[in-house]
N, C-alpha and C. Protein backbone atom coordinates (compact mmCIF):
# COMPACT_ATOMS: atom_id res chain seq x y z
N MET A 1 35.65 112.36 83.89
CA MET A 1 37.01 112.79 83.96
C MET A 1 36.94 114.40 83.61
N PRO A 2 36.97 114.76 85.09
CA PRO A 2 36.58 115.94 85.92
C PRO A 2 37.32 116.77 85.52
N VAL A 3 37.71 118.11 84.05
CA VAL A 3 37.86 119.19 84.62
C VAL A 3 38.14 120.08 85.67
N ILE A 4 39.88 119.88 85.17
CA ILE A 4 40.31 121.02 86.95
C ILE A 4 41.01 122.21 86.53
N SER A 5 40.61 122.35 84.84
CA SER A 5 40.86 123.64 85.00
C SER A 5 40.97 124.18 83.75
N THR A 6 39.94 125.54 83.42
CA THR A 6 40.04 125.12 81.25
C THR A 6 40.34 126.84 81.66
N PHE A 7 41.09 127.41 80.53
CA PHE A 7 42.11 128.72 80.60
C PHE A 7 42.20 128.88 79.03
N PHE A 8 41.13 129.94 78.13
CA PHE A 8 41.52 130.16 77.01
C PHE A 8 41.65 129.09 76.19
N GLY A 9 39.97 128.89 76.42
CA GLY A 9 39.26 127.66 75.02
C GLY A 9 40.77 126.15 74.93
N ILE A 10 41.09 126.35 76.71
CA ILE A 10 42.07 124.92 77.11
C ILE A 10 41.51 124.14 77.60
N TYR A 11 41.15 123.05 77.60
CA TYR A 11 40.78 122.40 78.74
C TYR A 11 41.64 121.39 79.06
N VAL A 12 41.38 121.28 80.91
CA VAL A 12 42.42 120.53 81.25
C VAL A 12 41.93 119.79 82.47
N ARG A 13 42.41 117.84 82.28
CA ARG A 13 41.31 116.83 83.45
C ARG A 13 42.45 115.92 83.27
N ARG A 14 41.87 115.09 83.71
CA ARG A 14 42.48 114.23 84.80
C ARG A 14 41.74 112.57 84.90
N TYR A 15 41.81 111.29 84.71
CA TYR A 15 41.61 110.70 85.45
C TYR A 15 41.69 110.25 86.50
N PHE A 16 40.97 109.78 86.81
CA PHE A 16 40.83 108.85 88.20
C PHE A 16 41.71 107.89 87.65
N ALA A 17 42.84 107.46 89.65
CA ALA A 17 43.35 105.95 89.44
C ALA A 17 43.90 106.20 88.51
N ASN A 18 44.92 106.56 87.43
CA ASN A 18 45.89 106.99 86.03
C ASN A 18 46.93 106.71 85.91
N HIS A 19 47.81 105.47 84.86
CA HIS A 19 49.32 105.37 84.85
C HIS A 19 49.93 106.74 85.11
N SER A 20 51.42 105.95 85.75
CA SER A 20 51.93 106.91 86.10
C SER A 20 53.37 106.82 84.43
N PRO A 21 53.95 107.74 84.15
CA PRO A 21 54.12 109.30 84.74
C PRO A 21 52.57 110.07 85.52
N PRO A 22 53.30 110.96 86.70
CA PRO A 22 52.11 112.26 86.22
C PRO A 22 51.72 112.68 85.55
N HIS A 23 50.47 112.70 84.84
CA HIS A 23 50.28 113.52 83.56
C HIS A 23 48.79 114.14 83.57
N ILE A 24 48.61 115.21 82.18
CA ILE A 24 46.88 116.18 82.77
C ILE A 24 46.63 115.73 80.90
N HIS A 25 45.37 115.67 80.74
CA HIS A 25 44.82 115.56 79.94
C HIS A 25 44.61 117.36 78.79
N VAL A 26 44.46 117.38 77.82
CA VAL A 26 44.29 118.79 77.48
C VAL A 26 43.45 118.88 76.04
N GLU A 27 43.20 119.36 76.23
CA GLU A 27 42.29 119.38 74.88
C GLU A 27 41.74 121.27 74.72
N TYR A 28 41.46 121.13 73.55
CA TYR A 28 41.65 122.54 72.55
C TYR A 28 42.23 121.61 70.89
N GLN A 29 40.64 123.15 70.31
CA GLN A 29 40.00 123.00 69.18
C GLN A 29 39.87 121.61 68.73
N GLY A 30 40.00 120.01 68.87
CA GLY A 30 39.62 118.92 68.73
C GLY A 30 41.23 118.55 68.89
N HIS A 31 41.91 118.63 69.14
CA HIS A 31 42.81 118.90 69.75
C HIS A 31 43.33 118.17 70.94
N GLU A 32 43.75 117.26 71.11
CA GLU A 32 44.10 115.83 72.54
C GLU A 32 45.65 115.85 72.46
N ALA A 33 45.71 115.64 74.22
CA ALA A 33 47.36 115.60 74.25
C ALA A 33 47.11 115.08 76.20
N LEU A 34 48.29 114.40 75.96
CA LEU A 34 48.97 114.06 77.25
C LEU A 34 50.33 115.10 77.74
N VAL A 35 49.71 115.57 79.05
CA VAL A 35 51.15 116.51 79.52
C VAL A 35 51.58 116.13 80.55
N ALA A 36 52.80 115.85 80.58
CA ALA A 36 53.57 116.02 81.87
C ALA A 36 53.69 116.96 82.81
N ILE A 37 53.16 116.33 84.10
CA ILE A 37 52.75 117.50 85.69
C ILE A 37 54.84 118.88 85.37
N ALA A 38 55.35 117.70 85.51
CA ALA A 38 56.96 117.94 85.93
C ALA A 38 57.50 118.83 85.26
N ASP A 39 57.42 118.95 84.24
CA ASP A 39 57.89 119.67 83.27
C ASP A 39 57.15 120.59 82.16
N GLY A 40 55.42 120.07 81.62
CA GLY A 40 54.93 120.33 81.14
C GLY A 40 54.98 119.59 79.32
N ALA A 41 55.66 118.35 79.51
CA ALA A 41 56.63 118.22 78.49
C ALA A 41 55.60 117.33 77.67
N LEU A 42 55.37 117.57 76.44
CA LEU A 42 54.27 116.90 75.52
C LEU A 42 54.64 115.01 75.87
N MET A 43 53.50 114.39 76.44
CA MET A 43 54.12 113.33 75.96
C MET A 43 53.41 112.52 75.44
N ASP A 44 51.72 112.70 74.40
CA ASP A 44 51.94 111.52 73.13
C ASP A 44 50.33 113.13 73.28
N GLY A 45 49.39 112.32 71.75
CA GLY A 45 48.75 113.63 70.94
C GLY A 45 49.88 115.19 70.96
N GLU A 46 49.00 115.81 70.25
CA GLU A 46 49.25 117.13 69.84
C GLU A 46 48.22 118.06 70.07
N LEU A 47 49.01 119.41 70.54
CA LEU A 47 48.70 120.86 70.32
C LEU A 47 48.92 121.61 69.18
N PRO A 48 48.24 122.85 68.39
CA PRO A 48 48.67 124.07 68.10
C PRO A 48 50.32 124.29 69.57
N ARG A 49 51.73 124.71 68.47
CA ARG A 49 52.14 125.21 69.75
C ARG A 49 51.75 126.57 70.48
N ARG A 50 50.98 127.11 70.31
CA ARG A 50 50.56 128.73 71.34
C ARG A 50 50.44 127.76 72.20
N ALA A 51 49.24 126.58 72.21
CA ALA A 51 48.63 126.36 72.90
C ALA A 51 49.45 125.70 74.12
N LEU A 52 50.27 124.76 73.55
CA LEU A 52 50.85 123.87 74.38
C LEU A 52 52.64 124.68 74.86
N ALA A 53 52.43 126.07 74.21
CA ALA A 53 53.51 126.91 75.49
C ALA A 53 52.90 127.55 77.00
N LEU A 54 51.61 128.12 76.25
CA LEU A 54 50.21 127.79 77.88
C LEU A 54 50.86 126.85 78.68
N VAL A 55 49.90 125.67 77.76
CA VAL A 55 49.23 125.06 78.91
C VAL A 55 51.36 124.45 79.68
N ARG A 56 52.74 123.85 78.87
CA ARG A 56 53.00 124.05 79.13
C ARG A 56 54.35 125.38 80.89
N GLN A 57 53.70 126.55 80.45
CA GLN A 57 53.92 127.84 81.21
C GLN A 57 52.67 127.63 83.03
N TRP A 58 51.68 126.53 82.50
CA TRP A 58 51.05 126.90 83.38
C TRP A 58 51.17 125.52 84.89
N CYS A 59 51.46 124.60 83.32
CA CYS A 59 51.80 123.41 84.12
C CYS A 59 53.27 123.96 85.60
N LEU A 60 54.09 124.54 84.46
CA LEU A 60 55.22 125.32 85.67
C LEU A 60 54.31 125.74 86.77
N ASP A 61 53.58 126.82 86.56
CA ASP A 61 53.17 127.61 87.46
C ASP A 61 52.43 126.94 88.83
N HIS A 62 51.67 125.84 88.03
CA HIS A 62 50.21 125.35 89.38
C HIS A 62 50.93 123.70 89.29
N ARG A 63 52.15 123.29 89.35
CA ARG A 63 53.50 122.24 89.44
C ARG A 63 52.23 121.94 91.39
N GLN A 64 52.62 122.34 91.70
CA GLN A 64 52.37 121.36 93.56
C GLN A 64 50.86 122.05 93.16
N SER A 65 50.17 121.96 93.20
CA SER A 65 48.15 121.99 93.34
C SER A 65 48.64 120.97 91.93
N LEU A 66 49.00 120.30 91.32
CA LEU A 66 48.82 119.69 90.14
C LEU A 66 49.14 118.79 90.57
N GLU A 67 50.40 117.85 91.09
CA GLU A 67 50.99 116.86 91.93
C GLU A 67 49.55 116.69 93.26
N GLN A 68 49.43 117.43 93.49
CA GLN A 68 48.52 117.76 95.24
C GLN A 68 47.44 117.06 93.86
N ASN A 69 46.46 117.22 92.98
CA ASN A 69 45.46 116.45 92.53
C ASN A 69 45.80 114.71 91.80
N TRP A 70 46.16 115.05 92.18
CA TRP A 70 48.16 113.24 91.05
C TRP A 70 47.27 112.50 92.23
N THR A 71 47.58 112.90 93.03
CA THR A 71 47.82 112.31 94.99
C THR A 71 46.39 112.17 94.84
N LYS A 72 45.49 112.90 95.11
CA LYS A 72 44.38 112.95 95.18
C LYS A 72 43.12 111.81 93.56
N ALA A 73 43.86 111.67 93.39
CA ALA A 73 43.31 111.18 92.04
C ALA A 73 43.85 109.72 92.50
N GLN A 74 44.78 109.11 92.18
CA GLN A 74 45.08 108.28 92.95
C GLN A 74 44.56 107.73 93.90
N ALA A 75 44.25 108.48 95.38
CA ALA A 75 43.08 108.14 96.46
C ALA A 75 42.02 107.18 95.85
N LEU A 76 40.85 108.22 94.23
CA LEU A 76 40.13 108.37 94.34
C LEU A 76 39.70 109.48 95.59
N GLN A 77 39.70 110.19 95.43
CA GLN A 77 39.78 111.61 96.44
C GLN A 77 39.21 112.67 95.27
N PRO A 78 37.84 113.21 95.64
CA PRO A 78 37.66 114.69 94.79
C PRO A 78 38.73 116.16 94.35
N LEU A 79 38.59 115.98 93.33
CA LEU A 79 40.43 116.99 93.13
C LEU A 79 40.20 118.17 93.58
N SER A 80 40.64 118.98 93.56
CA SER A 80 40.54 120.28 93.99
C SER A 80 40.69 121.31 92.02
N ARG A 81 39.88 122.77 91.54
CA ARG A 81 39.73 123.29 90.83
C ARG A 81 41.33 124.12 90.57
N ILE A 82 42.37 123.93 89.66
CA ILE A 82 43.09 124.78 89.92
C ILE A 82 42.21 126.42 89.27
N PRO A 83 42.97 127.58 89.36
CA PRO A 83 43.12 128.50 87.70
C PRO A 83 43.40 128.64 87.18
N GLY A 84 43.10 129.07 85.86
CA GLY A 84 43.98 129.21 85.09
C GLY A 84 45.01 130.03 84.62
N ALA A 85 45.59 129.67 83.41
CA ALA A 85 46.33 130.70 83.13
C ALA A 85 45.47 132.22 82.84
N ASP A 86 44.84 132.55 82.50
CA ASP A 86 43.39 133.47 82.33
C ASP A 86 43.16 134.19 83.94
N HIS A 87 43.73 133.36 84.79
CA HIS A 87 43.25 134.04 86.05
C HIS A 87 41.79 134.04 86.34
N ASP A 88 41.05 132.36 86.10
CA ASP A 88 39.67 132.66 85.67
C ASP A 88 39.16 132.18 87.27
């Protein structure tokens, strides 16, 4: 599962050919969650409140890039790296 972004110790990953609705997999300090691309809502799992707020805003800021990566992943194409909230 490729890492598409990292910021503040948060790892954002995408599976290829994954189930809908469009989402990302997020890992932070032993916590794991599925987060919706559309609005950054927590779909499954858990994240500390501050980490979830950062991921939610990051999703809103990069929604177009995330949706493009979702389309690429569904077609089993290479994914693009997306800058993190810390502008990596």
